[in-house]
Amino acid sequence: MNVAELLAGLQAQHDEVTGRAAELRGQIEHLTAALAETEARLADLDTARKVISETAPGGAEGGPPETSTAYQAIVNAFNQHPATDEATVNITRSRLGRLTRQGFLTQPGRGRYQKQT
């Protein structure tokens, strides 16, 4: 191998590494722009949270909403009932879906069924 071939090989490697460095700089610029956009969105969300917490009524902060006695009675009934078998639940859902498709039931909301009128 002579000096000219060695220099040509080094120049080829130099060009390849220069191209890779340019690609990486482009990626860095793209990621820097994406980071700036994300940080701006985060600042906007923080500002919105602060404004809402300042303008919300005093009782709306902190604790969970009060539950009605009817709701609590339903929750207690579910807690006292033994766990249902997953297969039984799926069979019931399948049957209700079939009755809905056949037109015997309507489904005004998810998990709610009523007779077709």
PDB file of N, CA and C in Angstrom:
ATOM      1  N   MET A   1       0.854  -1.158   0.000  1.00  0.00           N
ATOM      2  CA  MET A   1       0.000   0.000   0.000  1.00  0.00           C
ATOM      3  C   MET A   1       0.911   1.235   0.000  1.00  0.00           C
ATOM      4  N   ASN A   2       0.640   2.108  -0.937  1.00  0.00           N
ATOM      5  CA  ASN A   2       1.473   3.302  -1.008  1.00  0.00           C
ATOM      6  C   ASN A   2       0.812   4.457  -0.272  1.00  0.00           C
ATOM      7  N   VAL A   3       1.491   5.561  -0.203  1.00  0.00           N
ATOM      8  CA  VAL A   3       1.031   6.724   0.554  1.00  0.00           C
ATOM      9  C   VAL A   3      -0.241   7.314  -0.061  1.00  0.00           C
ATOM     10  N   ALA A   4      -0.363   7.314  -1.372  1.00  0.00           N
ATOM     11  CA  ALA A   4      -1.537   7.880  -2.044  1.00  0.00           C
ATOM     12  C   ALA A   4      -2.796   7.087  -1.681  1.00  0.00           C
ATOM     13  N   GLU A   5      -2.693   5.744  -1.667  1.00  0.00           N
ATOM     14  CA  GLU A   5      -3.837   4.908  -1.291  1.00  0.00           C
ATOM     15  C   GLU A   5      -4.205   5.127   0.173  1.00  0.00           C
ATOM     16  N   LEU A   6      -3.217   5.251   1.014  1.00  0.00           N
ATOM     17  CA  LEU A   6      -3.453   5.490   2.435  1.00  0.00           C
ATOM     18  C   LEU A   6      -4.171   6.820   2.647  1.00  0.00           C
ATOM     19  N   LEU A   7      -3.712   7.855   1.957  1.00  0.00           N
ATOM     20  CA  LEU A   7      -4.356   9.168   2.069  1.00  0.00           C
ATOM     21  C   LEU A   7      -5.776   9.141   1.510  1.00  0.00           C
ATOM     22  N   ALA A   8      -5.995   8.409   0.422  1.00  0.00           N
ATOM     23  CA  ALA A   8      -7.342   8.291  -0.152  1.00  0.00           C
ATOM     24  C   ALA A   8      -8.273   7.578   0.828  1.00  0.00           C
ATOM     25  N   GLY A   9      -7.786   6.522   1.467  1.00  0.00           N
ATOM     26  CA  GLY A   9      -8.590   5.813   2.470  1.00  0.00           C
ATOM     27  C   GLY A   9      -8.924   6.694   3.654  1.00  0.00           C
ATOM     28  N   LEU A  10      -7.936   7.456   4.108  1.00  0.00           N
ATOM     29  CA  LEU A  10      -8.182   8.380   5.224  1.00  0.00           C
ATOM     30  C   LEU A  10      -9.197   9.454   4.834  1.00  0.00           C
ATOM     31  N   GLN A  11      -9.110   9.950   3.595  1.00  0.00           N
ATOM     32  CA  GLN A  11     -10.062  10.971   3.136  1.00  0.00           C
ATOM     33  C   GLN A  11     -11.478  10.397   3.068  1.00  0.00           C
ATOM     34  N   ALA A  12     -11.602   9.144   2.616  1.00  0.00           N
ATOM     35  CA  ALA A  12     -12.913   8.493   2.551  1.00  0.00           C
ATOM     36  C   ALA A  12     -13.502   8.339   3.949  1.00  0.00           C
ATOM     37  N   GLN A  13     -12.681   7.917   4.901  1.00  0.00           N
ATOM     38  CA  GLN A  13     -13.157   7.790   6.282  1.00  0.00           C
ATOM     39  C   GLN A  13     -13.532   9.150   6.851  1.00  0.00           C
ATOM     40  N   HIS A  14     -12.730  10.165   6.537  1.00  0.00           N
ATOM     41  CA  HIS A  14     -13.006  11.524   7.009  1.00  0.00           C
ATOM     42  C   HIS A  14     -14.348  12.011   6.470  1.00  0.00           C
ATOM     43  N   ASP A  15     -14.611  11.767   5.181  1.00  0.00           N
ATOM     44  CA  ASP A  15     -15.878  12.180   4.575  1.00  0.00           C
ATOM     45  C   ASP A  15     -17.058  11.448   5.214  1.00  0.00           C
ATOM     46  N   GLU A  16     -16.875  10.160   5.486  1.00  0.00           N
ATOM     47  CA  GLU A  16     -17.937   9.363   6.108  1.00  0.00           C
ATOM     48  C   GLU A  16     -18.248   9.874   7.516  1.00  0.00           C
ATOM     49  N   VAL A  17     -17.215  10.118   8.296  1.00  0.00           N
ATOM     50  CA  VAL A  17     -17.405  10.597   9.669  1.00  0.00           C
ATOM     51  C   VAL A  17     -17.992  12.006   9.657  1.00  0.00           C
ATOM     52  N   THR A  18     -17.587  12.839   8.697  1.00  0.00           N
ATOM     53  CA  THR A  18     -18.144  14.185   8.589  1.00  0.00           C
ATOM     54  C   THR A  18     -19.638  14.121   8.284  1.00  0.00           C
ATOM     55  N   GLY A  19     -20.026  13.215   7.398  1.00  0.00           N
ATOM     56  CA  GLY A  19     -21.450  13.029   7.089  1.00  0.00           C
ATOM     57  C   GLY A  19     -22.237  12.571   8.301  1.00  0.00           C
ATOM     58  N   ARG A  20     -21.668  11.636   9.041  1.00  0.00           N
ATOM     59  CA  ARG A  20     -22.342  11.138  10.259  1.00  0.00           C
ATOM     60  C   ARG A  20     -22.469  12.250  11.292  1.00  0.00           C
ATOM     61  N   ALA A  21     -21.437  13.073  11.437  1.00  0.00           N
ATOM     62  CA  ALA A  21     -21.488  14.192  12.382  1.00  0.00           C
ATOM     63  C   ALA A  21     -22.571  15.183  11.973  1.00  0.00           C
ATOM     64  N   ALA A  22     -22.721  15.416  10.674  1.00  0.00           N
ATOM     65  CA  ALA A  22     -23.769  16.325  10.200  1.00  0.00           C
ATOM     66  C   ALA A  22     -25.152  15.756  10.510  1.00  0.00           C
ATOM     67  N   GLU A  23     -25.323  14.441  10.321  1.00  0.00           N
ATOM     68  CA  GLU A  23     -26.596  13.792  10.661  1.00  0.00           C
ATOM     69  C   GLU A  23     -26.902  13.957  12.148  1.00  0.00           C
ATOM     70  N   LEU A  24     -25.904  13.726  12.981  1.00  0.00           N
ATOM     71  CA  LEU A  24     -26.103  13.842  14.430  1.00  0.00           C
ATOM     72  C   LEU A  24     -26.431  15.275  14.828  1.00  0.00           C
ATOM     73  N   ARG A  25     -25.785  16.261  14.187  1.00  0.00           N
ATOM     74  CA  ARG A  25     -26.108  17.658  14.479  1.00  0.00           C
ATOM     75  C   ARG A  25     -27.558  17.961  14.110  1.00  0.00           C
ATOM     76  N   GLY A  26     -28.006  17.410  12.984  1.00  0.00           N
ATOM     77  CA  GLY A  26     -29.405  17.590  12.581  1.00  0.00           C
ATOM     78  C   GLY A  26     -30.367  16.986  13.594  1.00  0.00           C
ATOM     79  N   GLN A  27     -30.025  15.798  14.083  1.00  0.00           N
ATOM     80  CA  GLN A  27     -30.867  15.161  15.100  1.00  0.00           C
ATOM     81  C   GLN A  27     -30.881  15.981  16.379  1.00  0.00           C
ATOM     82  N   ILE A  28     -29.727  16.520  16.746  1.00  0.00           N
ATOM     83  CA  ILE A  28     -29.650  17.341  17.962  1.00  0.00           C
ATOM     84  C   ILE A  28     -30.513  18.581  17.811  1.00  0.00           C
ATOM     85  N   GLU A  29     -30.476  19.213  16.647  1.00  0.00           N
ATOM     86  CA  GLU A  29     -31.304  20.398  16.411  1.00  0.00           C
ATOM     87  C   GLU A  29     -32.782  20.047  16.496  1.00  0.00           C
ATOM     88  N   HIS A  30     -33.151  18.909  15.895  1.00  0.00           N
ATOM     89  CA  HIS A  30     -34.552  18.480  15.942  1.00  0.00           C
ATOM     90  C   HIS A  30     -34.986  18.191  17.381  1.00  0.00           C
ATOM     91  N   LEU A  31     -34.160  17.473  18.125  1.00  0.00           N
ATOM     92  CA  LEU A  31     -34.501  17.148  19.510  1.00  0.00           C
ATOM     93  C   LEU A  31     -34.535  18.398  20.388  1.00  0.00           C
ATOM     94  N   THR A  32     -33.652  19.346  20.121  1.00  0.00           N
ATOM     95  CA  THR A  32     -33.652  20.595  20.881  1.00  0.00           C
ATOM     96  C   THR A  32     -34.943  21.361  20.640  1.00  0.00           C
ATOM     97  N   ALA A  33     -35.395  21.398  19.387  1.00  0.00           N
ATOM     98  CA  ALA A  33     -36.654  22.077  19.070  1.00  0.00           C
ATOM     99  C   ALA A  33     -37.832  21.363  19.726  1.00  0.00           C
ATOM    100  N   ALA A  34     -37.840  20.028  19.679  1.00  0.00           N
ATOM    101  CA  ALA A  34     -38.921  19.262  20.308  1.00  0.00           C
ATOM    102  C   ALA A  34     -38.925  19.473  21.815  1.00  0.00           C
ATOM    103  N   LEU A  35     -37.737  19.532  22.419  1.00  0.00           N
ATOM    104  CA  LEU A  35     -37.645  19.773  23.857  1.00  0.00           C
ATOM    105  C   LEU A  35     -38.178  21.153  24.205  1.00  0.00           C
ATOM    106  N   ALA A  36     -37.854  22.146  23.404  1.00  0.00           N
ATOM    107  CA  ALA A  36     -38.343  23.503  23.665  1.00  0.00           C
ATOM    108  C   ALA A  36     -39.864  23.551  23.571  1.00  0.00           C
ATOM    109  N   GLU A  37     -40.446  22.881  22.567  1.00  0.00           N
ATOM    110  CA  GLU A  37     -41.903  22.841  22.433  1.00  0.00           C
ATOM    111  C   GLU A  37     -42.542  22.144  23.630  1.00  0.00           C
ATOM    112  N   THR A  38     -41.947  21.044  24.060  1.00  0.00           N
ATOM    113  CA  THR A  38     -42.490  20.293  25.191  1.00  0.00           C
ATOM    114  C   THR A  38     -42.406  21.101  26.478  1.00  0.00           C
ATOM    115  N   GLU A  39     -41.297  21.783  26.691  1.00  0.00           N
ATOM    116  CA  GLU A  39     -41.164  22.614  27.888  1.00  0.00           C
ATOM    117  C   GLU A  39     -42.148  23.777  27.860  1.00  0.00           C
ATOM    118  N   ALA A  40     -42.406  24.350  26.683  1.00  0.00           N
ATOM    119  CA  ALA A  40     -43.393  25.426  26.572  1.00  0.00           C
ATOM    120  C   ALA A  40     -44.786  24.902  26.900  1.00  0.00           C
ATOM    121  N   ARG A  41     -45.118  23.703  26.410  1.00  0.00           N
ATOM    122  CA  ARG A  41     -46.423  23.100  26.707  1.00  0.00           C
ATOM    123  C   ARG A  41     -46.547  22.813  28.201  1.00  0.00           C
ATOM    124  N   LEU A  42     -45.467  22.341  28.802  1.00  0.00           N
ATOM    125  CA  LEU A  42     -45.464  22.075  30.235  1.00  0.00           C
ATOM    126  C   LEU A  42     -45.690  23.356  31.025  1.00  0.00           C
ATOM    127  N   ALA A  43     -45.059  24.434  30.603  1.00  0.00           N
ATOM    128  CA  ALA A  43     -45.258  25.723  31.271  1.00  0.00           C
ATOM    129  C   ALA A  43     -46.702  26.185  31.118  1.00  0.00           C
ATOM    130  N   ASP A  44     -47.291  25.978  29.929  1.00  0.00           N
ATOM    131  CA  ASP A  44     -48.693  26.343  29.718  1.00  0.00           C
ATOM    132  C   ASP A  44     -49.611  25.538  30.633  1.00  0.00           C
ATOM    133  N   LEU A  45     -49.333  24.250  30.775  1.00  0.00           N
ATOM    134  CA  LEU A  45     -50.153  23.407  31.646  1.00  0.00           C
ATOM    135  C   LEU A  45     -50.023  23.832  33.105  1.00  0.00           C
ATOM    136  N   ASP A  46     -48.816  24.171  33.527  1.00  0.00           N
ATOM    137  CA  ASP A  46     -48.623  24.655  34.896  1.00  0.00           C
ATOM    138  C   ASP A  46     -49.398  25.942  35.130  1.00  0.00           C
ATOM    139  N   THR A  47     -49.352  26.840  34.158  1.00  0.00           N
ATOM    140  CA  THR A  47     -50.081  28.100  34.279  1.00  0.00           C
ATOM    141  C   THR A  47     -51.580  27.846  34.357  1.00  0.00           C
ATOM    142  N   ALA A  48     -52.085  26.967  33.501  1.00  0.00           N
ATOM    143  CA  ALA A  48     -53.514  26.650  33.518  1.00  0.00           C
ATOM    144  C   ALA A  48     -53.921  26.050  34.856  1.00  0.00           C
ATOM    145  N   ARG A  49     -53.090  25.150  35.385  1.00  0.00           N
ATOM    146  CA  ARG A  49     -53.407  24.537  36.677  1.00  0.00           C
ATOM    147  C   ARG A  49     -53.455  25.586  37.777  1.00  0.00           C
ATOM    148  N   LYS A  50     -52.496  26.508  37.764  1.00  0.00           N
ATOM    149  CA  LYS A  50     -52.466  27.556  38.783  1.00  0.00           C
ATOM    150  C   LYS A  50     -53.680  28.463  38.679  1.00  0.00           C
ATOM    151  N   VAL A  51     -54.047  28.841  37.450  1.00  0.00           N
ATOM    152  CA  VAL A  51     -55.200  29.726  37.261  1.00  0.00           C
ATOM    153  C   VAL A  51     -56.471  29.041  37.723  1.00  0.00           C
ATOM    154  N   ILE A  52     -56.633  27.779  37.372  1.00  0.00           N
ATOM    155  CA  ILE A  52     -57.841  27.054  37.768  1.00  0.00           C
ATOM    156  C   ILE A  52     -57.889  26.879  39.274  1.00  0.00           C
ATOM    157  N   SER A  53     -56.764  26.559  39.896  1.00  0.00           N
ATOM    158  CA  SER A  53     -56.775  26.373  41.347  1.00  0.00           C
ATOM    159  C   SER A  53     -57.035  27.688  42.075  1.00  0.00           C
ATOM    160  N   GLU A  54     -56.613  28.816  41.494  1.00  0.00           N
ATOM    161  CA  GLU A  54     -56.877  30.110  42.120  1.00  0.00           C
ATOM    162  C   GLU A  54     -58.327  30.539  41.954  1.00  0.00           C
ATOM    163  N   THR A  55     -58.936  30.212  40.814  1.00  0.00           N
ATOM    164  CA  THR A  55     -60.306  30.656  40.562  1.00  0.00           C
ATOM    165  C   THR A  55     -61.350  29.667  41.043  1.00  0.00           C
ATOM    166  N   ALA A  56     -60.948  28.449  41.381  1.00  0.00           N
ATOM    167  CA  ALA A  56     -61.904  27.451  41.849  1.00  0.00           C
ATOM    168  C   ALA A  56     -62.405  27.838  43.230  1.00  0.00           C
ATOM    169  N   PRO A  57     -63.652  27.467  43.529  1.00  0.00           N
ATOM    170  CA  PRO A  57     -64.169  27.741  44.873  1.00  0.00           C
ATOM    171  C   PRO A  57     -63.312  27.053  45.933  1.00  0.00           C
ATOM    172  N   GLY A  58     -63.297  27.609  47.129  1.00  0.00           N
ATOM    173  CA  GLY A  58     -62.450  27.100  48.206  1.00  0.00           C
ATOM    174  C   GLY A  58     -62.708  25.652  48.550  1.00  0.00           C
ATOM    175  N   GLY A  59     -63.948  25.197  48.458  1.00  0.00           N
ATOM    176  CA  GLY A  59     -64.277  23.823  48.817  1.00  0.00           C
ATOM    177  C   GLY A  59     -63.880  22.812  47.762  1.00  0.00           C
ATOM    178  N   ALA A  60     -63.530  23.264  46.567  1.00  0.00           N
ATOM    179  CA  ALA A  60     -63.222  22.333  45.486  1.00  0.00           C
ATOM    180  C   ALA A  60     -61.819  21.762  45.593  1.00  0.00           C
ATOM    181  N   GLU A  61     -60.989  22.326  46.433  1.00  0.00           N
ATOM    182  CA  GLU A  61     -59.616  21.857  46.542  1.00  0.00           C
ATOM    183  C   GLU A  61     -59.529  20.624  47.427  1.00  0.00           C
ATOM    184  N   GLY A  62     -58.543  19.816  47.154  1.00  0.00           N
ATOM    185  CA  GLY A  62     -58.180  18.746  48.059  1.00  0.00           C
ATOM    186  C   GLY A  62     -59.052  17.517  48.024  1.00  0.00           C
ATOM    187  N   GLY A  63     -59.903  17.361  49.005  1.00  0.00           N
ATOM    188  CA  GLY A  63     -60.590  16.126  49.282  1.00  0.00           C
ATOM    189  C   GLY A  63     -61.496  15.619  48.183  1.00  0.00           C
ATOM    190  N   PRO A  64     -61.825  14.335  48.281  1.00  0.00           N
ATOM    191  CA  PRO A  64     -62.720  13.741  47.295  1.00  0.00           C
ATOM    192  C   PRO A  64     -64.145  14.261  47.482  1.00  0.00           C
ATOM    193  N   PRO A  65     -64.947  14.206  46.434  1.00  0.00           N
ATOM    194  CA  PRO A  65     -66.322  14.678  46.564  1.00  0.00           C
ATOM    195  C   PRO A  65     -67.112  13.779  47.513  1.00  0.00           C
ATOM    196  N   GLU A  66     -68.103  14.354  48.138  1.00  0.00           N
ATOM    197  CA  GLU A  66     -68.933  13.585  49.056  1.00  0.00           C
ATOM    198  C   GLU A  66     -69.781  12.600  48.263  1.00  0.00           C
ATOM    199  N   THR A  67     -69.935  11.405  48.819  1.00  0.00           N
ATOM    200  CA  THR A  67     -70.740  10.405  48.141  1.00  0.00           C
ATOM    201  C   THR A  67     -72.129  10.401  48.740  1.00  0.00           C
ATOM    202  N   SER A  68     -73.107  10.167  47.875  1.00  0.00           N
ATOM    203  CA  SER A  68     -74.476  10.121  48.366  1.00  0.00           C
ATOM    204  C   SER A  68     -74.709   8.793  49.072  1.00  0.00           C
ATOM    205  N   THR A  69     -75.744   8.743  49.864  1.00  0.00           N
ATOM    206  CA  THR A  69     -76.027   7.511  50.598  1.00  0.00           C
ATOM    207  C   THR A  69     -76.468   6.405  49.656  1.00  0.00           C
ATOM    208  N   ALA A  70     -77.161   6.751  48.563  1.00  0.00           N
ATOM    209  CA  ALA A  70     -77.567   5.725  47.602  1.00  0.00           C
ATOM    210  C   ALA A  70     -76.336   5.110  46.941  1.00  0.00           C
ATOM    211  N   TYR A  71     -75.396   5.955  46.568  1.00  0.00           N
ATOM    212  CA  TYR A  71     -74.158   5.460  45.960  1.00  0.00           C
ATOM    213  C   TYR A  71     -73.415   4.570  46.949  1.00  0.00           C
ATOM    214  N   GLN A  72     -73.329   4.999  48.186  1.00  0.00           N
ATOM    215  CA  GLN A  72     -72.626   4.213  49.200  1.00  0.00           C
ATOM    216  C   GLN A  72     -73.325   2.880  49.434  1.00  0.00           C
ATOM    217  N   ALA A  73     -74.657   2.861  49.363  1.00  0.00           N
ATOM    218  CA  ALA A  73     -75.393   1.608  49.527  1.00  0.00           C
ATOM    219  C   ALA A  73     -75.072   0.638  48.391  1.00  0.00           C
ATOM    220  N   ILE A  74     -74.954   1.164  47.179  1.00  0.00           N
ATOM    221  CA  ILE A  74     -74.613   0.311  46.041  1.00  0.00           C
ATOM    222  C   ILE A  74     -73.208  -0.251  46.202  1.00  0.00           C
ATOM    223  N   VAL A  75     -72.271   0.601  46.592  1.00  0.00           N
ATOM    224  CA  VAL A  75     -70.892   0.148  46.790  1.00  0.00           C
ATOM    225  C   VAL A  75     -70.832  -0.915  47.882  1.00  0.00           C
ATOM    226  N   ASN A  76     -71.558  -0.712  48.967  1.00  0.00           N
ATOM    227  CA  ASN A  76     -71.583  -1.698  50.051  1.00  0.00           C
ATOM    228  C   ASN A  76     -72.161  -3.026  49.577  1.00  0.00           C
ATOM    229  N   ALA A  77     -73.217  -2.968  48.753  1.00  0.00           N
ATOM    230  CA  ALA A  77     -73.810  -4.199  48.234  1.00  0.00           C
ATOM    231  C   ALA A  77     -72.802  -4.959  47.376  1.00  0.00           C
ATOM    232  N   PHE A  78     -72.064  -4.241  46.540  1.00  0.00           N
ATOM    233  CA  PHE A  78     -71.049  -4.906  45.723  1.00  0.00           C
ATOM    234  C   PHE A  78     -69.931  -5.475  46.583  1.00  0.00           C
ATOM    235  N   ASN A  79     -69.558  -4.778  47.630  1.00  0.00           N
ATOM    236  CA  ASN A  79     -68.483  -5.262  48.495  1.00  0.00           C
ATOM    237  C   ASN A  79     -68.898  -6.504  49.273  1.00  0.00           C
ATOM    238  N   GLN A  80     -70.183  -6.631  49.604  1.00  0.00           N
ATOM    239  CA  GLN A  80     -70.661  -7.776  50.365  1.00  0.00           C
ATOM    240  C   GLN A  80     -70.935  -8.982  49.472  1.00  0.00           C
ATOM    241  N   HIS A  81     -71.151  -8.762  48.183  1.00  0.00           N
ATOM    242  CA  HIS A  81     -71.456  -9.847  47.256  1.00  0.00           C
ATOM    243  C   HIS A  81     -70.174 -10.600  46.916  1.00  0.00           C
ATOM    244  N   PRO A  82     -70.243 -11.932  46.855  1.00  0.00           N
ATOM    245  CA  PRO A  82     -69.036 -12.681  46.480  1.00  0.00           C
ATOM    246  C   PRO A  82     -68.637 -12.367  45.036  1.00  0.00           C
ATOM    247  N   ALA A  83     -67.387 -12.576  44.744  1.00  0.00           N
ATOM    248  CA  ALA A  83     -66.875 -12.286  43.403  1.00  0.00           C
ATOM    249  C   ALA A  83     -67.579 -13.150  42.365  1.00  0.00           C
ATOM    250  N   THR A  84     -67.805 -12.571  41.184  1.00  0.00           N
ATOM    251  CA  THR A  84     -68.458 -13.325  40.117  1.00  0.00           C
ATOM    252  C   THR A  84     -67.411 -14.016  39.265  1.00  0.00           C
ATOM    253  N   ASP A  85     -67.835 -15.094  38.674  1.00  0.00           N
ATOM    254  CA  ASP A  85     -66.958 -15.854  37.787  1.00  0.00           C
ATOM    255  C   ASP A  85     -66.830 -15.100  36.469  1.00  0.00           C
ATOM    256  N   GLU A  86     -65.613 -14.898  35.989  1.00  0.00           N
ATOM    257  CA  GLU A  86     -65.368 -14.130  34.761  1.00  0.00           C
ATOM    258  C   GLU A  86     -66.079 -14.758  33.570  1.00  0.00           C
ATOM    259  N   ALA A  87     -66.105 -16.073  33.496  1.00  0.00           N
ATOM    260  CA  ALA A  87     -66.766 -16.743  32.375  1.00  0.00           C
ATOM    261  C   ALA A  87     -68.261 -16.450  32.373  1.00  0.00           C
ATOM    262  N   THR A  88     -68.877 -16.441  33.542  1.00  0.00           N
ATOM    263  CA  THR A  88     -70.299 -16.153  33.645  1.00  0.00           C
ATOM    264  C   THR A  88     -70.600 -14.735  33.184  1.00  0.00           C
ATOM    265  N   VAL A  89     -69.764 -13.798  33.552  1.00  0.00           N
ATOM    266  CA  VAL A  89     -69.952 -12.407  33.141  1.00  0.00           C
ATOM    267  C   VAL A  89     -69.846 -12.289  31.630  1.00  0.00           C
ATOM    268  N   ASN A  90     -68.865 -12.941  31.035  1.00  0.00           N
ATOM    269  CA  ASN A  90     -68.687 -12.870  29.587  1.00  0.00           C
ATOM    270  C   ASN A  90     -69.845 -13.520  28.842  1.00  0.00           C
ATOM    271  N   ILE A  91     -70.373 -14.612  29.375  1.00  0.00           N
ATOM    272  CA  ILE A  91     -71.527 -15.262  28.747  1.00  0.00           C
ATOM    273  C   ILE A  91     -72.727 -14.328  28.787  1.00  0.00           C
ATOM    274  N   THR A  92     -72.952 -13.673  29.921  1.00  0.00           N
ATOM    275  CA  THR A  92     -74.069 -12.736  30.038  1.00  0.00           C
ATOM    276  C   THR A  92     -73.905 -11.575  29.071  1.00  0.00           C
ATOM    277  N   ARG A  93     -72.704 -11.037  28.960  1.00  0.00           N
ATOM    278  CA  ARG A  93     -72.455  -9.945  28.007  1.00  0.00           C
ATOM    279  C   ARG A  93     -72.723 -10.399  26.579  1.00  0.00           C
ATOM    280  N   SER A  94     -72.304 -11.609  26.263  1.00  0.00           N
ATOM    281  CA  SER A  94     -72.517 -12.149  24.926  1.00  0.00           C
ATOM    282  C   SER A  94     -74.005 -12.272  24.620  1.00  0.00           C
ATOM    283  N   ARG A  95     -74.764 -12.765  25.576  1.00  0.00           N
ATOM    284  CA  ARG A  95     -76.209 -12.928  25.372  1.00  0.00           C
ATOM    285  C   ARG A  95     -76.902 -11.579  25.229  1.00  0.00           C
ATOM    286  N   LEU A  96     -76.517 -10.612  26.046  1.00  0.00           N
ATOM    287  CA  LEU A  96     -77.107  -9.276  25.926  1.00  0.00           C
ATOM    288  C   LEU A  96     -76.758  -8.649  24.579  1.00  0.00           C
ATOM    289  N   GLY A  97     -75.540  -8.848  24.123  1.00  0.00           N
ATOM    290  CA  GLY A  97     -75.145  -8.327  22.816  1.00  0.00           C
ATOM    291  C   GLY A  97     -75.946  -8.959  21.693  1.00  0.00           C
ATOM    292  N   ARG A  98     -76.179 -10.261  21.786  1.00  0.00           N
ATOM    293  CA  ARG A  98     -76.968 -10.947  20.764  1.00  0.00           C
ATOM    294  C   ARG A  98     -78.401 -10.430  20.757  1.00  0.00           C
ATOM    295  N   LEU A  99     -78.999 -10.249  21.925  1.00  0.00           N
ATOM    296  CA  LEU A  99     -80.361  -9.713  21.992  1.00  0.00           C
ATOM    297  C   LEU A  99     -80.425  -8.294  21.435  1.00  0.00           C
ATOM    298  N   THR A 100     -79.370  -7.525  21.629  1.00  0.00           N
ATOM    299  CA  THR A 100     -79.322  -6.172  21.075  1.00  0.00           C
ATOM    300  C   THR A 100     -79.252  -6.233  19.557  1.00  0.00           C
ATOM    301  N   ARG A 101     -78.401  -7.098  19.018  1.00  0.00           N
ATOM    302  CA  ARG A 101     -78.277  -7.218  17.556  1.00  0.00           C
ATOM    303  C   ARG A 101     -79.568  -7.719  16.923  1.00  0.00           C
ATOM    304  N   GLN A 102     -80.312  -8.560  17.641  1.00  0.00           N
ATOM    305  CA  GLN A 102     -81.561  -9.093  17.109  1.00  0.00           C
ATOM    306  C   GLN A 102     -82.704  -8.095  17.240  1.00  0.00           C
ATOM    307  N   GLY A 103     -82.494  -7.011  17.950  1.00  0.00           N
ATOM    308  CA  GLY A 103     -83.506  -5.967  18.047  1.00  0.00           C
ATOM    309  C   GLY A 103     -84.434  -6.083  19.241  1.00  0.00           C
ATOM    310  N   PHE A 104     -84.178  -7.015  20.141  1.00  0.00           N
ATOM    311  CA  PHE A 104     -85.022  -7.152  21.322  1.00  0.00           C
ATOM    312  C   PHE A 104     -84.664  -6.131  22.397  1.00  0.00           C
ATOM    313  N   LEU A 105     -83.413  -5.704  22.427  1.00  0.00           N
ATOM    314  CA  LEU A 105     -82.943  -4.739  23.416  1.00  0.00           C
ATOM    315  C   LEU A 105     -82.302  -3.556  22.707  1.00  0.00           C
ATOM    316  N   THR A 106     -82.272  -2.424  23.406  1.00  0.00           N
ATOM    317  CA  THR A 106     -81.481  -1.287  22.939  1.00  0.00           C
ATOM    318  C   THR A 106     -80.393  -1.045  23.972  1.00  0.00           C
ATOM    319  N   GLN A 107     -79.340  -0.395  23.531  1.00  0.00           N
ATOM    320  CA  GLN A 107     -78.226  -0.118  24.433  1.00  0.00           C
ATOM    321  C   GLN A 107     -77.962   1.387  24.412  1.00  0.00           C
ATOM    322  N   PRO A 108     -78.651   2.140  25.305  1.00  0.00           N
ATOM    323  CA  PRO A 108     -78.470   3.595  25.308  1.00  0.00           C
ATOM    324  C   PRO A 108     -77.104   4.036  25.821  1.00  0.00           C
ATOM    325  N   GLY A 109     -76.426   3.204  26.557  1.00  0.00           N
ATOM    326  CA  GLY A 109     -75.097   3.531  27.080  1.00  0.00           C
ATOM    327  C   GLY A 109     -74.318   2.250  27.280  1.00  0.00           C
ATOM    328  N   ARG A 110     -73.020   2.392  27.471  1.00  0.00           N
ATOM    329  CA  ARG A 110     -72.180   1.216  27.644  1.00  0.00           C
ATOM    330  C   ARG A 110     -72.588   0.465  28.901  1.00  0.00           C
ATOM    331  N   GLY A 111     -72.909  -0.820  28.735  1.00  0.00           N
ATOM    332  CA  GLY A 111     -73.295  -1.649  29.864  1.00  0.00           C
ATOM    333  C   GLY A 111     -74.734  -1.458  30.311  1.00  0.00           C
ATOM    334  N   ARG A 112     -75.511  -0.681  29.551  1.00  0.00           N
ATOM    335  CA  ARG A 112     -76.913  -0.450  29.909  1.00  0.00           C
ATOM    336  C   ARG A 112     -77.791  -1.008  28.799  1.00  0.00           C
ATOM    337  N   TYR A 113     -78.795  -1.750  29.178  1.00  0.00           N
ATOM    338  CA  TYR A 113     -79.699  -2.357  28.214  1.00  0.00           C
ATOM    339  C   TYR A 113     -81.123  -2.084  28.652  1.00  0.00           C
ATOM    340  N   GLN A 114     -82.020  -1.960  27.679  1.00  0.00           N
ATOM    341  CA  GLN A 114     -83.438  -1.825  27.991  1.00  0.00           C
ATOM    342  C   GLN A 114     -84.242  -2.444  26.858  1.00  0.00           C
ATOM    343  N   LYS A 115     -85.499  -2.802  27.180  1.00  0.00           N
ATOM    344  CA  LYS A 115     -86.351  -3.435  26.185  1.00  0.00           C
ATOM    345  C   LYS A 115     -86.615  -2.484  25.031  1.00  0.00           C
ATOM    346  N   GLN A 116     -86.690  -3.072  23.835  1.00  0.00           N
ATOM    347  CA  GLN A 116     -87.027  -2.295  22.645  1.00  0.00           C
ATOM    348  C   GLN A 116     -88.499  -1.914  22.740  1.00  0.00           C
ATOM    349  N   THR A 117     -88.820  -0.661  22.490  1.00  0.00           N
ATOM    350  CA  THR A 117     -90.227  -0.232  22.568  1.00  0.00           C
ATOM    351  C   THR A 117     -90.806  -0.040  21.199  1.00  0.00           C
TER     352      THR A 117
END
